[in-house]
Amino acid sequence: MRKTWDLIRPTVVLVLVCAVISGLLALTYNLAGVAALENAGYTEEELAEYGGVALPEADKLVQVEVETENSALKYVYKAENGAGMALVLNVKGYDSTKMEIMYGFDAEGVMQGIKVISDNETPGIGKNVIENQEYLAQYPGLTADAVSGVDTIAGATKTSGGIRTGAEQAFALFEQLKGEVLGQ
């Protein structure tokens, strides 16, 4: 019996140590508010900057929790003054890391603006699309039917096509979520 206990004891001790450490780690994680930080979105200053481009008529954007199976959707924001909503999507461009783009819509579903929040596109090629205000200016005023008519830019078709594909997804998500977010 003694030999059996001598063989099992290290395993029992290891399991107990792992359980205690896991419990302490979970407690620290919850006390530090790490879970809340992951879902917080952006600072008020960032949100004002991004929202000012994507949804200029909004006074303040407030994050709304929604349920959707679309894995591209990162955040949903609603304008406090009823001006519409903004959707942040992870969109694939040229680089395997996704572009993070905010698309803004008024309450009728007309796109109001677009703001590329982050990207890792190729400098001088894909970056030119993101910094090209003439290209991005094609999106405000578009409806879901018209977005497919936005041309891609030669030499940067993956980046510009990614922005357009993201816009198409954003229009579909707007239709899906407008009742829940805007009460329509």
C-alpha atoms as a PDB file:
ATOM      1  CA  MET A   1       0.000   0.000   0.000  1.00  0.00           C
ATOM      2  CA  ARG A   2       2.842   2.363   0.862  1.00  0.00           C
ATOM      3  CA  LYS A   3       4.482   1.864  -2.549  1.00  0.00           C
ATOM      4  CA  THR A   4       1.226   2.681  -4.348  1.00  0.00           C
ATOM      5  CA  TRP A   5       0.854   5.937  -2.417  1.00  0.00           C
ATOM      6  CA  ASP A   6       4.475   6.849  -3.183  1.00  0.00           C
ATOM      7  CA  LEU A   7       3.728   6.416  -6.892  1.00  0.00           C
ATOM      8  CA  ILE A   8       0.422   8.359  -6.867  1.00  0.00           C
ATOM      9  CA  ARG A   9       1.440  11.195  -4.515  1.00  0.00           C
ATOM     10  CA  PRO A  10       3.445  13.262  -7.097  1.00  0.00           C
ATOM     11  CA  THR A  11       0.465  13.189  -9.476  1.00  0.00           C
ATOM     12  CA  VAL A  12      -1.980  14.247  -6.754  1.00  0.00           C
ATOM     13  CA  VAL A  13       0.334  17.062  -5.641  1.00  0.00           C
ATOM     14  CA  LEU A  14       0.767  18.265  -9.235  1.00  0.00           C
ATOM     15  CA  VAL A  15      -3.008  18.282  -9.848  1.00  0.00           C
ATOM     16  CA  LEU A  16      -3.608  20.250  -6.633  1.00  0.00           C
ATOM     17  CA  VAL A  17      -0.885  22.784  -7.473  1.00  0.00           C
ATOM     18  CA  CYS A  18      -2.348  23.256 -10.981  1.00  0.00           C
ATOM     19  CA  ALA A  19      -5.864  23.704  -9.578  1.00  0.00           C
ATOM     20  CA  VAL A  20      -4.708  26.338  -7.066  1.00  0.00           C
ATOM     21  CA  ILE A  21      -2.697  28.234  -9.700  1.00  0.00           C
ATOM     22  CA  SER A  22      -5.620  28.130 -12.163  1.00  0.00           C
ATOM     23  CA  GLY A  23      -7.959  29.483  -9.510  1.00  0.00           C
ATOM     24  CA  LEU A  24      -5.565  32.303  -8.618  1.00  0.00           C
ATOM     25  CA  LEU A  25      -5.079  33.157 -12.285  1.00  0.00           C
ATOM     26  CA  ALA A  26      -8.852  33.318 -12.870  1.00  0.00           C
ATOM     27  CA  LEU A  27      -9.284  35.504  -9.791  1.00  0.00           C
ATOM     28  CA  THR A  28      -6.520  37.872 -10.925  1.00  0.00           C
ATOM     29  CA  TYR A  29      -8.001  38.009 -14.437  1.00  0.00           C
ATOM     30  CA  ASN A  30     -11.425  38.986 -13.084  1.00  0.00           C
ATOM     31  CA  LEU A  31     -10.098  41.455 -10.519  1.00  0.00           C
ATOM     32  CA  ALA A  32      -7.923  43.184 -13.105  1.00  0.00           C
ATOM     33  CA  GLY A  33     -10.898  43.622 -15.421  1.00  0.00           C
ATOM     34  CA  VAL A  34      -9.107  42.118 -18.408  1.00  0.00           C
ATOM     35  CA  ALA A  35     -12.335  40.684 -19.795  1.00  0.00           C
ATOM     36  CA  ALA A  36     -13.990  44.100 -19.652  1.00  0.00           C
ATOM     37  CA  LEU A  37     -11.045  45.706 -21.451  1.00  0.00           C
ATOM     38  CA  GLU A  38     -11.227  43.233 -24.323  1.00  0.00           C
ATOM     39  CA  ASN A  39     -14.834  44.222 -25.061  1.00  0.00           C
ATOM     40  CA  ALA A  40     -14.516  47.937 -24.386  1.00  0.00           C
ATOM     41  CA  GLY A  41     -13.880  48.954 -27.991  1.00  0.00           C
ATOM     42  CA  TYR A  42     -12.116  52.298 -28.238  1.00  0.00           C
ATOM     43  CA  THR A  43     -11.405  55.261 -26.006  1.00  0.00           C
ATOM     44  CA  GLU A  44     -13.872  58.150 -26.173  1.00  0.00           C
ATOM     45  CA  GLU A  45     -11.339  60.221 -28.122  1.00  0.00           C
ATOM     46  CA  GLU A  46     -10.744  57.468 -30.680  1.00  0.00           C
ATOM     47  CA  LEU A  47     -14.454  56.835 -31.006  1.00  0.00           C
ATOM     48  CA  ALA A  48     -15.125  60.541 -31.571  1.00  0.00           C
ATOM     49  CA  GLU A  49     -12.418  60.625 -34.259  1.00  0.00           C
ATOM     50  CA  TYR A  50     -13.531  57.457 -36.064  1.00  0.00           C
ATOM     51  CA  GLY A  51     -17.225  58.210 -35.690  1.00  0.00           C
ATOM     52  CA  GLY A  52     -16.692  61.757 -36.934  1.00  0.00           C
ATOM     53  CA  VAL A  53     -15.575  60.294 -40.253  1.00  0.00           C
ATOM     54  CA  ALA A  54     -17.884  57.271 -40.507  1.00  0.00           C
ATOM     55  CA  LEU A  55     -21.039  58.849 -39.057  1.00  0.00           C
ATOM     56  CA  PRO A  56     -20.538  62.638 -38.994  1.00  0.00           C
ATOM     57  CA  GLU A  57     -24.106  63.460 -37.885  1.00  0.00           C
ATOM     58  CA  ALA A  58     -23.776  61.404 -34.688  1.00  0.00           C
ATOM     59  CA  ASP A  59     -23.319  63.319 -31.463  1.00  0.00           C
ATOM     60  CA  LYS A  60     -21.863  60.370 -29.548  1.00  0.00           C
ATOM     61  CA  LEU A  61     -21.484  56.681 -30.362  1.00  0.00           C
ATOM     62  CA  VAL A  62     -22.442  54.099 -27.764  1.00  0.00           C
ATOM     63  CA  GLN A  63     -21.420  50.451 -28.067  1.00  0.00           C
ATOM     64  CA  VAL A  64     -24.272  47.971 -28.450  1.00  0.00           C
ATOM     65  CA  GLU A  65     -23.946  44.244 -27.779  1.00  0.00           C
ATOM     66  CA  VAL A  66     -25.569  42.145 -30.508  1.00  0.00           C
ATOM     67  CA  GLU A  67     -25.644  38.495 -31.449  1.00  0.00           C
ATOM     68  CA  THR A  68     -24.636  37.548 -34.967  1.00  0.00           C
ATOM     69  CA  GLU A  69     -22.862  34.675 -36.633  1.00  0.00           C
ATOM     70  CA  ASN A  70     -20.849  37.002 -38.881  1.00  0.00           C
ATOM     71  CA  SER A  71     -17.261  36.602 -37.694  1.00  0.00           C
ATOM     72  CA  ALA A  72     -16.136  39.773 -39.491  1.00  0.00           C
ATOM     73  CA  LEU A  73     -18.208  41.986 -37.178  1.00  0.00           C
ATOM     74  CA  LYS A  74     -16.129  43.354 -34.318  1.00  0.00           C
ATOM     75  CA  TYR A  75     -18.219  46.172 -32.786  1.00  0.00           C
ATOM     76  CA  VAL A  76     -21.591  47.831 -33.237  1.00  0.00           C
ATOM     77  CA  TYR A  77     -22.195  51.438 -32.207  1.00  0.00           C
ATOM     78  CA  LYS A  78     -25.410  53.427 -32.076  1.00  0.00           C
ATOM     79  CA  ALA A  79     -25.628  57.221 -32.298  1.00  0.00           C
ATOM     80  CA  GLU A  80     -27.201  58.671 -29.148  1.00  0.00           C
ATOM     81  CA  ASN A  81     -29.045  61.286 -31.211  1.00  0.00           C
ATOM     82  CA  GLY A  82     -30.570  58.659 -33.538  1.00  0.00           C
ATOM     83  CA  ALA A  83     -28.376  59.608 -36.508  1.00  0.00           C
ATOM     84  CA  GLY A  84     -27.719  55.940 -37.275  1.00  0.00           C
ATOM     85  CA  MET A  85     -25.215  53.253 -36.451  1.00  0.00           C
ATOM     86  CA  ALA A  86     -21.594  52.360 -37.115  1.00  0.00           C
ATOM     87  CA  LEU A  87     -20.237  48.869 -37.662  1.00  0.00           C
ATOM     88  CA  VAL A  88     -16.586  47.916 -37.216  1.00  0.00           C
ATOM     89  CA  LEU A  89     -15.555  44.965 -39.352  1.00  0.00           C
ATOM     90  CA  ASN A  90     -12.355  42.992 -39.779  1.00  0.00           C
ATOM     91  CA  VAL A  91     -11.883  42.929 -43.546  1.00  0.00           C
ATOM     92  CA  LYS A  92      -9.313  40.964 -45.541  1.00  0.00           C
ATOM     93  CA  GLY A  93      -7.140  43.044 -47.827  1.00  0.00           C
ATOM     94  CA  TYR A  94      -3.813  42.080 -49.381  1.00  0.00           C
ATOM     95  CA  ASP A  95      -2.048  41.242 -46.133  1.00  0.00           C
ATOM     96  CA  SER A  96      -3.211  38.245 -44.132  1.00  0.00           C
ATOM     97  CA  THR A  97      -3.815  40.521 -41.139  1.00  0.00           C
ATOM     98  CA  LYS A  98      -7.190  42.076 -41.539  1.00  0.00           C
ATOM     99  CA  MET A  99      -8.018  45.733 -41.956  1.00  0.00           C
ATOM    100  CA  GLU A 100     -10.252  47.138 -39.233  1.00  0.00           C
ATOM    101  CA  ILE A 101     -12.814  49.431 -40.870  1.00  0.00           C
ATOM    102  CA  MET A 102     -15.728  51.433 -39.457  1.00  0.00           C
ATOM    103  CA  TYR A 103     -18.723  51.825 -41.783  1.00  0.00           C
ATOM    104  CA  GLY A 104     -21.361  54.395 -40.815  1.00  0.00           C
ATOM    105  CA  PHE A 105     -25.046  54.302 -41.816  1.00  0.00           C
ATOM    106  CA  ASP A 106     -27.935  56.679 -41.293  1.00  0.00           C
ATOM    107  CA  ALA A 107     -31.252  55.294 -40.040  1.00  0.00           C
ATOM    108  CA  GLU A 108     -32.434  54.638 -43.623  1.00  0.00           C
ATOM    109  CA  GLY A 109     -29.412  52.483 -44.466  1.00  0.00           C
ATOM    110  CA  VAL A 110     -27.488  54.985 -46.581  1.00  0.00           C
ATOM    111  CA  MET A 111     -23.742  54.815 -45.998  1.00  0.00           C
ATOM    112  CA  GLN A 112     -22.514  58.032 -44.398  1.00  0.00           C
ATOM    113  CA  GLY A 113     -18.803  57.382 -44.247  1.00  0.00           C
ATOM    114  CA  ILE A 114     -15.955  54.960 -43.941  1.00  0.00           C
ATOM    115  CA  LYS A 115     -12.906  55.045 -41.665  1.00  0.00           C
ATOM    116  CA  VAL A 116      -9.988  52.615 -41.922  1.00  0.00           C
ATOM    117  CA  ILE A 117      -8.951  52.247 -38.286  1.00  0.00           C
ATOM    118  CA  SER A 118      -6.008  49.901 -38.712  1.00  0.00           C
ATOM    119  CA  ASP A 119      -4.315  47.980 -41.497  1.00  0.00           C
ATOM    120  CA  ASN A 120      -1.094  46.293 -42.487  1.00  0.00           C
ATOM    121  CA  GLU A 121      -1.327  46.867 -46.224  1.00  0.00           C
ATOM    122  CA  THR A 122       1.696  47.224 -48.485  1.00  0.00           C
ATOM    123  CA  PRO A 123       3.257  50.706 -48.269  1.00  0.00           C
ATOM    124  CA  GLY A 124       2.949  52.567 -51.560  1.00  0.00           C
ATOM    125  CA  ILE A 125       0.352  50.198 -53.017  1.00  0.00           C
ATOM    126  CA  GLY A 126      -2.421  49.110 -50.660  1.00  0.00           C
ATOM    127  CA  LYS A 127      -1.675  52.039 -48.339  1.00  0.00           C
ATOM    128  CA  ASN A 128      -2.389  54.387 -51.246  1.00  0.00           C
ATOM    129  CA  VAL A 129      -5.969  53.109 -51.386  1.00  0.00           C
ATOM    130  CA  ILE A 130      -6.485  53.654 -47.669  1.00  0.00           C
ATOM    131  CA  GLU A 131      -5.046  57.162 -47.866  1.00  0.00           C
ATOM    132  CA  ASN A 132      -6.828  57.976 -51.151  1.00  0.00           C
ATOM    133  CA  GLN A 133      -9.659  60.275 -50.069  1.00  0.00           C
ATOM    134  CA  GLU A 134     -11.109  60.323 -53.609  1.00  0.00           C
ATOM    135  CA  TYR A 135     -11.517  56.553 -53.529  1.00  0.00           C
ATOM    136  CA  LEU A 136     -13.024  56.502 -50.029  1.00  0.00           C
ATOM    137  CA  ALA A 137     -15.306  59.435 -50.940  1.00  0.00           C
ATOM    138  CA  GLN A 138     -17.183  57.125 -53.345  1.00  0.00           C
ATOM    139  CA  TYR A 139     -18.819  55.328 -50.412  1.00  0.00           C
ATOM    140  CA  PRO A 140     -20.812  58.034 -48.581  1.00  0.00           C
ATOM    141  CA  GLY A 141     -24.276  58.286 -50.100  1.00  0.00           C
ATOM    142  CA  LEU A 142     -24.318  54.708 -51.389  1.00  0.00           C
ATOM    143  CA  THR A 143     -27.124  52.253 -50.792  1.00  0.00           C
ATOM    144  CA  ALA A 144     -26.788  48.478 -50.674  1.00  0.00           C
ATOM    145  CA  ASP A 145     -27.675  48.184 -54.377  1.00  0.00           C
ATOM    146  CA  ALA A 146     -25.020  50.671 -55.487  1.00  0.00           C
ATOM    147  CA  VAL A 147     -21.980  49.472 -53.521  1.00  0.00           C
ATOM    148  CA  SER A 148     -21.098  46.751 -56.024  1.00  0.00           C
ATOM    149  CA  GLY A 149     -20.567  49.510 -58.602  1.00  0.00           C
ATOM    150  CA  VAL A 150     -17.532  50.916 -56.778  1.00  0.00           C
ATOM    151  CA  ASP A 151     -14.496  50.038 -58.879  1.00  0.00           C
ATOM    152  CA  THR A 152     -11.327  48.565 -57.456  1.00  0.00           C
ATOM    153  CA  ILE A 153      -8.045  50.369 -57.989  1.00  0.00           C
ATOM    154  CA  ALA A 154      -5.613  48.803 -60.465  1.00  0.00           C
ATOM    155  CA  GLY A 155      -2.511  47.533 -58.700  1.00  0.00           C
ATOM    156  CA  ALA A 156      -4.308  47.424 -55.356  1.00  0.00           C
ATOM    157  CA  THR A 157      -7.314  45.299 -56.194  1.00  0.00           C
ATOM    158  CA  LYS A 158      -7.089  43.183 -53.036  1.00  0.00           C
ATOM    159  CA  THR A 159      -7.099  46.206 -50.734  1.00  0.00           C
ATOM    160  CA  SER A 160      -9.787  48.165 -52.597  1.00  0.00           C
ATOM    161  CA  GLY A 161     -11.777  44.972 -53.192  1.00  0.00           C
ATOM    162  CA  GLY A 162     -11.518  44.173 -49.485  1.00  0.00           C
ATOM    163  CA  ILE A 163     -12.913  47.587 -48.578  1.00  0.00           C
ATOM    164  CA  ARG A 164     -15.795  47.065 -51.036  1.00  0.00           C
ATOM    165  CA  THR A 165     -16.466  43.519 -49.780  1.00  0.00           C
ATOM    166  CA  GLY A 166     -16.478  44.890 -46.235  1.00  0.00           C
ATOM    167  CA  ALA A 167     -19.007  47.527 -47.323  1.00  0.00           C
ATOM    168  CA  GLU A 168     -21.232  44.810 -48.811  1.00  0.00           C
ATOM    169  CA  GLN A 169     -21.020  42.853 -45.542  1.00  0.00           C
ATOM    170  CA  ALA A 170     -21.727  46.026 -43.575  1.00  0.00           C
ATOM    171  CA  PHE A 171     -24.888  46.703 -45.615  1.00  0.00           C
ATOM    172  CA  ALA A 172     -26.086  43.136 -44.992  1.00  0.00           C
ATOM    173  CA  LEU A 173     -25.334  43.477 -41.270  1.00  0.00           C
ATOM    174  CA  PHE A 174     -27.126  46.837 -41.136  1.00  0.00           C
ATOM    175  CA  GLU A 175     -30.273  45.202 -42.540  1.00  0.00           C
ATOM    176  CA  GLN A 176     -29.946  42.332 -40.081  1.00  0.00           C
ATOM    177  CA  LEU A 177     -29.310  44.501 -37.004  1.00  0.00           C
ATOM    178  CA  LYS A 178     -31.259  47.732 -37.619  1.00  0.00           C
ATOM    179  CA  GLY A 179     -34.316  46.542 -35.717  1.00  0.00           C
ATOM    180  CA  GLU A 180     -32.308  45.500 -32.691  1.00  0.00           C
ATOM    181  CA  VAL A 181     -29.960  48.501 -32.659  1.00  0.00           C
ATOM    182  CA  LEU A 182     -32.122  51.338 -33.993  1.00  0.00           C
ATOM    183  CA  GLY A 183     -35.550  50.000 -33.026  1.00  0.00           C
ATOM    184  CA  GLN A 184     -36.776  49.793 -36.633  1.00  0.00           C
END
